[in-house]
Amino acid sequence: MHFQWYPGHMTKAKRMMQENIKLVDLVIELVDARIPLSSRNPDIDELGHNKARIVVLNKSDLAEERWNDAWSRYFEEKGFLVVKVDSRKGSGMKVIQNVIREACKEKIERDKKRGILNRPVRAMVVGIPNVGKSTFINALAGKACTKTGNKPGVTKGKQWIRLNRQVELLDTPGILWPKFEDQKVGLRLAFIGSIKEEILNTQELALEFIQFMHEKYAGVLEEKYHIEADSESYATLNGIAESRHCLLKGNELDTDKAAFLLLDDFRNGRLGRITLETC
């Protein structure tokens, strides 16, 4: 399979981020804990090279904890502050504002020396599609979420959100990058649902995922779907279709439906904690 998806609106979104980076003190980059490197847009490092940086390992509840810890160390060694969160359930969210203050302590001290006491830290929240930015921001802002105006940057496609008197967030659209040099990156992004479904062959994608599971998480699919072990991916997909009664007219197995079901189970954590990319 060949993976590429870079619609026109992403070009516009990237341009918007380039224009607004000068307005912020901090870049908060969300990555998917199951594929921390593959879910990083390489353009972000260039965009935020002179800004304070936080990497948020979102959906950490869906990835193995030992690899969450390993990836945290990896990014910390690169000079990032790192937070592991499950923004859907709120796990890890309480520490975010303290980490924001830690990331921007030099800026805060400079403001104090200049007699500037009430200027909030401004942070741009960035990430690829489907990495959970909206859920993260809603969990962080809670009911106090309000749109702030009367400043550059308040236009359709992005939103200033005031968390409190100390912190404001600039929400941005999720963007990928124009070309995946390594198609394994595209495959992992397709697995987690960051590439538009309509351009993918779901059955082929499911077969690739089954092959990965056979190699790295042997026995998980067999236990989940109560099927016999088989190293051949298509036989496993047939087994899932039969187990879950995915049938067409004439009792023919509906492997397309089974493929969708399998990927949905993975994406929503129903197969257990699975890390696709290790360091």
C-alpha atoms as a PDB file:
ATOM      1  CA  MET A   1       0.000   0.000   0.000  1.00  0.00           C
ATOM      2  CA  HIS A   2       1.124   3.564  -0.714  1.00  0.00           C
ATOM      3  CA  PHE A   3       0.166   6.273   1.762  1.00  0.00           C
ATOM      4  CA  GLN A   4      -0.129   9.961   1.001  1.00  0.00           C
ATOM      5  CA  TRP A   5      -2.703  12.518   2.094  1.00  0.00           C
ATOM      6  CA  TYR A   6      -2.100  16.255   2.054  1.00  0.00           C
ATOM      7  CA  PRO A   7      -5.273  18.138   1.077  1.00  0.00           C
ATOM      8  CA  GLY A   8      -5.196  21.844   0.320  1.00  0.00           C
ATOM      9  CA  HIS A   9      -6.536  22.947   3.683  1.00  0.00           C
ATOM     10  CA  MET A  10      -3.380  21.607   5.345  1.00  0.00           C
ATOM     11  CA  THR A  11      -1.230  23.969   3.296  1.00  0.00           C
ATOM     12  CA  LYS A  12      -3.410  26.828   4.490  1.00  0.00           C
ATOM     13  CA  ALA A  13      -3.242  25.601   8.096  1.00  0.00           C
ATOM     14  CA  LYS A  14       0.549  25.381   8.010  1.00  0.00           C
ATOM     15  CA  ARG A  15       0.758  28.939   6.660  1.00  0.00           C
ATOM     16  CA  MET A  16      -1.535  30.102   9.463  1.00  0.00           C
ATOM     17  CA  MET A  17       0.692  28.460  12.071  1.00  0.00           C
ATOM     18  CA  GLN A  18       3.782  30.106  10.578  1.00  0.00           C
ATOM     19  CA  GLU A  19       2.075  33.485  10.798  1.00  0.00           C
ATOM     20  CA  ASN A  20       0.962  32.985  14.404  1.00  0.00           C
ATOM     21  CA  ILE A  21       4.054  31.399  15.945  1.00  0.00           C
ATOM     22  CA  LYS A  22       5.386  34.871  16.797  1.00  0.00           C
ATOM     23  CA  LEU A  23       2.378  35.413  19.068  1.00  0.00           C
ATOM     24  CA  VAL A  24       3.188  32.517  21.414  1.00  0.00           C
ATOM     25  CA  ASP A  25       5.762  31.671  24.075  1.00  0.00           C
ATOM     26  CA  LEU A  26       5.353  27.916  23.995  1.00  0.00           C
ATOM     27  CA  VAL A  27       4.560  25.075  21.591  1.00  0.00           C
ATOM     28  CA  ILE A  28       2.621  22.133  23.070  1.00  0.00           C
ATOM     29  CA  GLU A  29       2.953  19.224  20.665  1.00  0.00           C
ATOM     30  CA  LEU A  30       0.587  16.291  20.996  1.00  0.00           C
ATOM     31  CA  VAL A  31       1.778  12.911  19.739  1.00  0.00           C
ATOM     32  CA  ASP A  32       0.034   9.547  19.840  1.00  0.00           C
ATOM     33  CA  ALA A  33       1.726   7.407  22.503  1.00  0.00           C
ATOM     34  CA  ARG A  34       1.340   4.324  20.288  1.00  0.00           C
ATOM     35  CA  ILE A  35       3.513   5.895  17.545  1.00  0.00           C
ATOM     36  CA  PRO A  36       5.362   8.828  19.140  1.00  0.00           C
ATOM     37  CA  LEU A  37       7.835   9.433  16.297  1.00  0.00           C
ATOM     38  CA  SER A  38       5.558   8.641  13.362  1.00  0.00           C
ATOM     39  CA  SER A  39       2.881  10.991  14.754  1.00  0.00           C
ATOM     40  CA  ARG A  40       5.317  13.932  14.937  1.00  0.00           C
ATOM     41  CA  ASN A  41       5.070  16.384  12.065  1.00  0.00           C
ATOM     42  CA  PRO A  42       8.725  17.138  11.196  1.00  0.00           C
ATOM     43  CA  ASP A  43       7.751  20.699  10.264  1.00  0.00           C
ATOM     44  CA  ILE A  44       6.998  21.463  13.934  1.00  0.00           C
ATOM     45  CA  ASP A  45      10.655  21.422  14.986  1.00  0.00           C
ATOM     46  CA  GLU A  46      11.462  24.102  12.426  1.00  0.00           C
ATOM     47  CA  LEU A  47       8.330  26.066  13.271  1.00  0.00           C
ATOM     48  CA  GLY A  48       9.007  26.135  17.017  1.00  0.00           C
ATOM     49  CA  HIS A  49      12.809  26.012  17.106  1.00  0.00           C
ATOM     50  CA  ASN A  50      13.160  29.129  19.298  1.00  0.00           C
ATOM     51  CA  LYS A  51      10.140  28.471  21.513  1.00  0.00           C
ATOM     52  CA  ALA A  52       9.736  26.574  24.770  1.00  0.00           C
ATOM     53  CA  ARG A  53       8.504  23.049  23.997  1.00  0.00           C
ATOM     54  CA  ILE A  54       6.344  20.402  25.635  1.00  0.00           C
ATOM     55  CA  VAL A  55       5.651  16.973  24.141  1.00  0.00           C
ATOM     56  CA  VAL A  56       2.391  15.398  25.298  1.00  0.00           C
ATOM     57  CA  LEU A  57       2.158  11.614  24.936  1.00  0.00           C
ATOM     58  CA  ASN A  58      -1.592  11.519  24.426  1.00  0.00           C
ATOM     59  CA  LYS A  59      -3.661   8.321  24.480  1.00  0.00           C
ATOM     60  CA  SER A  60      -1.010   6.856  26.777  1.00  0.00           C
ATOM     61  CA  ASP A  61      -3.659   4.524  28.180  1.00  0.00           C
ATOM     62  CA  LEU A  62      -3.737   2.750  24.790  1.00  0.00           C
ATOM     63  CA  ALA A  63       0.031   2.097  24.706  1.00  0.00           C
ATOM     64  CA  GLU A  64       2.166  -0.176  26.858  1.00  0.00           C
ATOM     65  CA  GLU A  65       3.364   1.639  29.978  1.00  0.00           C
ATOM     66  CA  ARG A  66       6.950   0.395  29.633  1.00  0.00           C
ATOM     67  CA  TRP A  67       7.151   2.020  26.206  1.00  0.00           C
ATOM     68  CA  ASN A  68       5.451   5.185  27.458  1.00  0.00           C
ATOM     69  CA  ASP A  69       8.270   5.468  29.997  1.00  0.00           C
ATOM     70  CA  ALA A  70      10.917   4.718  27.369  1.00  0.00           C
ATOM     71  CA  TRP A  71       9.544   7.346  24.987  1.00  0.00           C
ATOM     72  CA  SER A  72       9.326   9.889  27.815  1.00  0.00           C
ATOM     73  CA  ARG A  73      13.039   9.393  28.471  1.00  0.00           C
ATOM     74  CA  TYR A  74      13.760   9.615  24.745  1.00  0.00           C
ATOM     75  CA  PHE A  75      12.115  13.034  24.389  1.00  0.00           C
ATOM     76  CA  GLU A  76      13.529  14.324  27.677  1.00  0.00           C
ATOM     77  CA  GLU A  77      17.020  13.499  26.390  1.00  0.00           C
ATOM     78  CA  LYS A  78      16.177  15.615  23.327  1.00  0.00           C
ATOM     79  CA  GLY A  79      15.467  18.586  25.634  1.00  0.00           C
ATOM     80  CA  PHE A  80      11.661  18.471  25.755  1.00  0.00           C
ATOM     81  CA  LEU A  81       9.455  18.531  28.798  1.00  0.00           C
ATOM     82  CA  VAL A  82       7.195  15.472  28.558  1.00  0.00           C
ATOM     83  CA  VAL A  83       3.762  14.628  29.958  1.00  0.00           C
ATOM     84  CA  LYS A  84       1.849  11.346  29.607  1.00  0.00           C
ATOM     85  CA  VAL A  85      -1.920  11.860  29.447  1.00  0.00           C
ATOM     86  CA  ASP A  86      -5.209  10.175  28.698  1.00  0.00           C
ATOM     87  CA  SER A  87      -7.186  13.278  27.828  1.00  0.00           C
ATOM     88  CA  ARG A  88     -10.428  11.313  27.332  1.00  0.00           C
ATOM     89  CA  LYS A  89     -10.516  10.284  30.977  1.00  0.00           C
ATOM     90  CA  GLY A  90      -8.464  13.186  32.315  1.00  0.00           C
ATOM     91  CA  SER A  91      -5.511  11.132  33.533  1.00  0.00           C
ATOM     92  CA  GLY A  92      -2.323  13.210  33.753  1.00  0.00           C
ATOM     93  CA  MET A  93      -4.095  16.489  32.975  1.00  0.00           C
ATOM     94  CA  LYS A  94      -3.661  18.031  36.436  1.00  0.00           C
ATOM     95  CA  VAL A  95       0.081  18.517  35.976  1.00  0.00           C
ATOM     96  CA  ILE A  96      -0.142  20.279  32.603  1.00  0.00           C
ATOM     97  CA  GLN A  97      -0.382  23.846  33.895  1.00  0.00           C
ATOM     98  CA  ASN A  98       2.559  23.317  36.245  1.00  0.00           C
ATOM     99  CA  VAL A  99       4.598  21.967  33.336  1.00  0.00           C
ATOM    100  CA  ILE A 100       3.601  24.984  31.233  1.00  0.00           C
ATOM    101  CA  ARG A 101       4.903  27.301  33.960  1.00  0.00           C
ATOM    102  CA  GLU A 102       8.098  25.230  34.211  1.00  0.00           C
ATOM    103  CA  ALA A 103       8.619  25.447  30.434  1.00  0.00           C
ATOM    104  CA  CYS A 104       8.141  29.223  30.477  1.00  0.00           C
ATOM    105  CA  LYS A 105       9.814  30.104  33.783  1.00  0.00           C
ATOM    106  CA  GLU A 106      12.502  32.203  32.068  1.00  0.00           C
ATOM    107  CA  LYS A 107       9.848  34.196  30.220  1.00  0.00           C
ATOM    108  CA  ILE A 108       7.846  34.660  33.434  1.00  0.00           C
ATOM    109  CA  GLU A 109      10.952  35.869  35.298  1.00  0.00           C
ATOM    110  CA  ARG A 110      11.808  38.305  32.487  1.00  0.00           C
ATOM    111  CA  ASP A 111       8.290  39.731  32.629  1.00  0.00           C
ATOM    112  CA  LYS A 112       8.553  40.212  36.398  1.00  0.00           C
ATOM    113  CA  LYS A 113      11.851  42.080  36.063  1.00  0.00           C
ATOM    114  CA  ARG A 114      10.238  44.360  33.485  1.00  0.00           C
ATOM    115  CA  GLY A 115       7.270  44.997  35.754  1.00  0.00           C
ATOM    116  CA  ILE A 116       4.903  42.964  33.557  1.00  0.00           C
ATOM    117  CA  LEU A 117       2.827  41.001  36.034  1.00  0.00           C
ATOM    118  CA  ASN A 118      -0.436  40.060  34.340  1.00  0.00           C
ATOM    119  CA  ARG A 119       0.548  38.913  30.848  1.00  0.00           C
ATOM    120  CA  PRO A 120      -0.469  35.254  30.426  1.00  0.00           C
ATOM    121  CA  VAL A 121       1.721  32.586  28.888  1.00  0.00           C
ATOM    122  CA  ARG A 122       0.513  31.950  25.347  1.00  0.00           C
ATOM    123  CA  ALA A 123       0.835  28.416  24.027  1.00  0.00           C
ATOM    124  CA  MET A 124       0.168  27.017  20.546  1.00  0.00           C
ATOM    125  CA  VAL A 125      -1.283  23.491  20.607  1.00  0.00           C
ATOM    126  CA  VAL A 126      -0.208  21.477  17.559  1.00  0.00           C
ATOM    127  CA  GLY A 127      -0.544  17.908  16.331  1.00  0.00           C
ATOM    128  CA  ILE A 128      -1.508  15.705  13.414  1.00  0.00           C
ATOM    129  CA  PRO A 129      -5.147  14.816  12.613  1.00  0.00           C
ATOM    130  CA  ASN A 130      -6.866  12.492  15.093  1.00  0.00           C
ATOM    131  CA  VAL A 131      -4.151  12.786  17.739  1.00  0.00           C
ATOM    132  CA  GLY A 132      -6.747  14.081  20.221  1.00  0.00           C
ATOM    133  CA  LYS A 133      -6.069  17.834  20.305  1.00  0.00           C
ATOM    134  CA  SER A 134      -9.703  18.869  20.745  1.00  0.00           C
ATOM    135  CA  THR A 135     -10.250  16.363  23.542  1.00  0.00           C
ATOM    136  CA  PHE A 136      -7.019  17.491  25.214  1.00  0.00           C
ATOM    137  CA  ILE A 137      -7.963  21.173  25.053  1.00  0.00           C
ATOM    138  CA  ASN A 138     -11.501  20.540  26.298  1.00  0.00           C
ATOM    139  CA  ALA A 139     -10.183  18.466  29.192  1.00  0.00           C
ATOM    140  CA  LEU A 140      -7.655  21.162  30.062  1.00  0.00           C
ATOM    141  CA  ALA A 141     -10.065  24.071  29.720  1.00  0.00           C
ATOM    142  CA  GLY A 142     -13.148  22.433  31.218  1.00  0.00           C
ATOM    143  CA  LYS A 143     -16.199  24.672  31.591  1.00  0.00           C
ATOM    144  CA  ALA A 144     -13.945  27.727  31.903  1.00  0.00           C
ATOM    145  CA  CYS A 145     -13.183  27.573  28.189  1.00  0.00           C
ATOM    146  CA  THR A 146     -13.783  30.987  26.615  1.00  0.00           C
ATOM    147  CA  LYS A 147     -12.757  32.527  23.356  1.00  0.00           C
ATOM    148  CA  THR A 148     -10.513  35.568  23.761  1.00  0.00           C
ATOM    149  CA  GLY A 149     -10.450  38.298  21.143  1.00  0.00           C
ATOM    150  CA  ASN A 150      -9.122  41.779  20.424  1.00  0.00           C
ATOM    151  CA  LYS A 151      -5.731  40.421  19.401  1.00  0.00           C
ATOM    152  CA  PRO A 152      -4.107  39.099  16.225  1.00  0.00           C
ATOM    153  CA  GLY A 153      -4.902  35.457  15.522  1.00  0.00           C
ATOM    154  CA  VAL A 154      -8.643  35.239  16.134  1.00  0.00           C
ATOM    155  CA  THR A 155      -9.916  34.035  12.763  1.00  0.00           C
ATOM    156  CA  LYS A 156     -11.788  31.023  11.435  1.00  0.00           C
ATOM    157  CA  GLY A 157      -9.718  27.857  11.724  1.00  0.00           C
ATOM    158  CA  LYS A 158      -8.088  28.676  15.037  1.00  0.00           C
ATOM    159  CA  GLN A 159      -9.203  29.857  18.436  1.00  0.00           C
ATOM    160  CA  TRP A 160      -7.690  31.532  21.463  1.00  0.00           C
ATOM    161  CA  ILE A 161      -8.796  29.810  24.649  1.00  0.00           C
ATOM    162  CA  ARG A 162      -8.188  31.350  28.064  1.00  0.00           C
ATOM    163  CA  LEU A 163      -7.586  28.708  30.716  1.00  0.00           C
ATOM    164  CA  ASN A 164      -7.070  31.245  33.497  1.00  0.00           C
ATOM    165  CA  ARG A 165      -5.231  34.507  34.073  1.00  0.00           C
ATOM    166  CA  GLN A 166      -1.875  32.749  33.622  1.00  0.00           C
ATOM    167  CA  VAL A 167      -2.371  30.690  30.448  1.00  0.00           C
ATOM    168  CA  GLU A 168      -3.965  31.112  27.018  1.00  0.00           C
ATOM    169  CA  LEU A 169      -4.000  28.437  24.311  1.00  0.00           C
ATOM    170  CA  LEU A 170      -4.060  28.881  20.564  1.00  0.00           C
ATOM    171  CA  ASP A 171      -5.820  25.894  19.017  1.00  0.00           C
ATOM    172  CA  THR A 172      -4.721  24.972  15.468  1.00  0.00           C
ATOM    173  CA  PRO A 173      -5.980  22.510  12.844  1.00  0.00           C
ATOM    174  CA  GLY A 174      -4.308  19.116  12.641  1.00  0.00           C
ATOM    175  CA  ILE A 175      -1.831  18.886   9.764  1.00  0.00           C
ATOM    176  CA  LEU A 176       0.336  16.205   8.201  1.00  0.00           C
ATOM    177  CA  TRP A 177       3.298  16.887   5.937  1.00  0.00           C
ATOM    178  CA  PRO A 178       3.484  16.742   2.120  1.00  0.00           C
ATOM    179  CA  LYS A 179       5.405  13.477   1.674  1.00  0.00           C
ATOM    180  CA  PHE A 180       6.090  10.414   3.809  1.00  0.00           C
ATOM    181  CA  GLU A 181       9.689   9.465   3.062  1.00  0.00           C
ATOM    182  CA  ASP A 182       9.162   6.167   4.896  1.00  0.00           C
ATOM    183  CA  GLN A 183       5.944   4.391   3.982  1.00  0.00           C
ATOM    184  CA  LYS A 184       6.022   2.590   7.344  1.00  0.00           C
ATOM    185  CA  VAL A 185       5.205   5.985   8.858  1.00  0.00           C
ATOM    186  CA  GLY A 186       2.182   6.257   6.583  1.00  0.00           C
ATOM    187  CA  LEU A 187       1.133   2.731   7.537  1.00  0.00           C
ATOM    188  CA  ARG A 188       1.270   3.522  11.262  1.00  0.00           C
ATOM    189  CA  LEU A 189      -0.679   6.746  10.733  1.00  0.00           C
ATOM    190  CA  ALA A 190      -3.310   4.774   8.832  1.00  0.00           C
ATOM    191  CA  PHE A 191      -3.507   2.238  11.665  1.00  0.00           C
ATOM    192  CA  ILE A 192      -4.396   4.922  14.232  1.00  0.00           C
ATOM    193  CA  GLY A 193      -6.860   6.687  11.905  1.00  0.00           C
ATOM    194  CA  SER A 194      -4.906   9.842  11.012  1.00  0.00           C
ATOM    195  CA  ILE A 195      -5.315   9.348   7.256  1.00  0.00           C
ATOM    196  CA  LYS A 196      -8.710   9.806   5.622  1.00  0.00           C
ATOM    197  CA  GLU A 197     -10.478   6.451   5.477  1.00  0.00           C
ATOM    198  CA  GLU A 198     -11.914   7.061   2.011  1.00  0.00           C
ATOM    199  CA  ILE A 199      -8.482   6.924   0.348  1.00  0.00           C
ATOM    200  CA  LEU A 200      -7.492   3.651   2.051  1.00  0.00           C
ATOM    201  CA  ASN A 201      -8.176   0.016   1.274  1.00  0.00           C
ATOM    202  CA  THR A 202      -9.478  -1.035   4.694  1.00  0.00           C
ATOM    203  CA  GLN A 203      -9.045  -4.741   4.067  1.00  0.00           C
ATOM    204  CA  GLU A 204      -5.416  -4.387   2.970  1.00  0.00           C
ATOM    205  CA  LEU A 205      -4.773  -2.186   5.983  1.00  0.00           C
ATOM    206  CA  ALA A 206      -6.315  -4.777   8.310  1.00  0.00           C
ATOM    207  CA  LEU A 207      -4.158  -7.531   6.792  1.00  0.00           C
ATOM    208  CA  GLU A 208      -1.043  -5.425   7.460  1.00  0.00           C
ATOM    209  CA  PHE A 209      -2.213  -4.896  11.039  1.00  0.00           C
ATOM    210  CA  ILE A 210      -2.835  -8.625  11.523  1.00  0.00           C
ATOM    211  CA  GLN A 211       0.701  -9.332  10.313  1.00  0.00           C
ATOM    212  CA  PHE A 212       2.070  -6.838  12.851  1.00  0.00           C
ATOM    213  CA  MET A 213       0.028  -8.437  15.635  1.00  0.00           C
ATOM    214  CA  HIS A 214       1.240 -11.921  14.711  1.00  0.00           C
ATOM    215  CA  GLU A 215       4.835 -10.692  14.945  1.00  0.00           C
ATOM    216  CA  LYS A 216       4.656  -8.481  18.049  1.00  0.00           C
ATOM    217  CA  TYR A 217       1.558  -9.509  20.015  1.00  0.00           C
ATOM    218  CA  ALA A 218       1.127 -13.194  19.245  1.00  0.00           C
ATOM    219  CA  GLY A 219      -2.069 -14.682  20.614  1.00  0.00           C
ATOM    220  CA  VAL A 220      -3.901 -11.419  21.281  1.00  0.00           C
ATOM    221  CA  LEU A 221      -6.226 -11.655  18.272  1.00  0.00           C
ATOM    222  CA  GLU A 222      -6.880 -15.336  18.874  1.00  0.00           C
ATOM    223  CA  GLU A 223      -7.892 -14.665  22.474  1.00  0.00           C
ATOM    224  CA  LYS A 224      -9.972 -11.593  21.659  1.00  0.00           C
ATOM    225  CA  TYR A 225     -11.968 -13.136  18.812  1.00  0.00           C
ATOM    226  CA  HIS A 226     -11.916 -16.779  19.994  1.00  0.00           C
ATOM    227  CA  ILE A 227     -10.289 -18.023  16.810  1.00  0.00           C
ATOM    228  CA  GLU A 228      -7.600 -20.590  16.127  1.00  0.00           C
ATOM    229  CA  ALA A 229      -4.030 -19.392  15.644  1.00  0.00           C
ATOM    230  CA  ASP A 230      -2.949 -19.043  12.023  1.00  0.00           C
ATOM    231  CA  SER A 231       0.117 -17.214  10.765  1.00  0.00           C
ATOM    232  CA  GLU A 232      -1.613 -16.344   7.496  1.00  0.00           C
ATOM    233  CA  SER A 233      -3.253 -12.918   7.751  1.00  0.00           C
ATOM    234  CA  TYR A 234      -6.209 -13.557   5.456  1.00  0.00           C
ATOM    235  CA  ALA A 235      -7.130 -16.739   7.344  1.00  0.00           C
ATOM    236  CA  THR A 236      -7.114 -14.694  10.567  1.00  0.00           C
ATOM    237  CA  LEU A 237      -9.361 -12.052   8.990  1.00  0.00           C
ATOM    238  CA  ASN A 238     -11.736 -14.794   7.843  1.00  0.00           C
ATOM    239  CA  GLY A 239     -11.726 -16.146  11.386  1.00  0.00           C
ATOM    240  CA  ILE A 240     -12.625 -12.714  12.781  1.00  0.00           C
ATOM    241  CA  ALA A 241     -15.434 -12.354  10.226  1.00  0.00           C
ATOM    242  CA  GLU A 242     -16.845 -15.751  11.190  1.00  0.00           C
ATOM    243  CA  SER A 243     -16.464 -15.141  14.931  1.00  0.00           C
ATOM    244  CA  ARG A 244     -18.207 -11.769  14.756  1.00  0.00           C
ATOM    245  CA  HIS A 245     -20.890 -12.950  12.295  1.00  0.00           C
ATOM    246  CA  CYS A 246     -19.802 -10.528   9.561  1.00  0.00           C
ATOM    247  CA  LEU A 247     -21.814 -12.021   6.729  1.00  0.00           C
ATOM    248  CA  LEU A 248     -23.063 -11.077   3.289  1.00  0.00           C
ATOM    249  CA  LYS A 249     -26.076 -12.563   1.514  1.00  0.00           C
ATOM    250  CA  GLY A 250     -25.704 -16.296   1.112  1.00  0.00           C
ATOM    251  CA  ASN A 251     -23.682 -16.491   4.345  1.00  0.00           C
ATOM    252  CA  GLU A 252     -20.521 -15.390   2.541  1.00  0.00           C
ATOM    253  CA  LEU A 253     -17.973 -13.864   4.932  1.00  0.00           C
ATOM    254  CA  ASP A 254     -17.897 -10.054   4.872  1.00  0.00           C
ATOM    255  CA  THR A 255     -14.165  -9.479   5.292  1.00  0.00           C
ATOM    256  CA  ASP A 256     -14.502  -5.749   4.634  1.00  0.00           C
ATOM    257  CA  LYS A 257     -16.781  -5.405   7.657  1.00  0.00           C
ATOM    258  CA  ALA A 258     -14.428  -7.601   9.720  1.00  0.00           C
ATOM    259  CA  ALA A 259     -11.483  -5.413   8.707  1.00  0.00           C
ATOM    260  CA  PHE A 260     -13.289  -2.274   9.843  1.00  0.00           C
ATOM    261  CA  LEU A 261     -14.290  -3.949  13.105  1.00  0.00           C
ATOM    262  CA  LEU A 262     -10.699  -5.055  13.805  1.00  0.00           C
ATOM    263  CA  LEU A 263      -9.212  -1.610  13.201  1.00  0.00           C
ATOM    264  CA  ASP A 264     -11.931   0.026  15.276  1.00  0.00           C
ATOM    265  CA  ASP A 265     -11.232  -2.373  18.140  1.00  0.00           C
ATOM    266  CA  PHE A 266      -7.549  -1.474  18.012  1.00  0.00           C
ATOM    267  CA  ARG A 267      -8.087   2.276  17.795  1.00  0.00           C
ATOM    268  CA  ASN A 268     -10.408   2.257  20.779  1.00  0.00           C
ATOM    269  CA  GLY A 269      -8.257   0.076  23.001  1.00  0.00           C
ATOM    270  CA  ARG A 270     -10.433  -3.036  22.917  1.00  0.00           C
ATOM    271  CA  LEU A 271      -7.419  -5.212  22.010  1.00  0.00           C
ATOM    272  CA  GLY A 272      -5.525  -4.049  25.082  1.00  0.00           C
ATOM    273  CA  ARG A 273      -2.524  -1.729  25.333  1.00  0.00           C
ATOM    274  CA  ILE A 274      -0.519  -1.924  22.112  1.00  0.00           C
ATOM    275  CA  THR A 275       2.548   0.088  21.081  1.00  0.00           C
ATOM    276  CA  LEU A 276       3.227   0.119  17.343  1.00  0.00           C
ATOM    277  CA  GLU A 277       6.567   1.935  17.481  1.00  0.00           C
ATOM    278  CA  THR A 278       9.400   1.321  19.950  1.00  0.00           C
ATOM    279  CA  CYS A 279      12.647   3.129  20.669  1.00  0.00           C
END
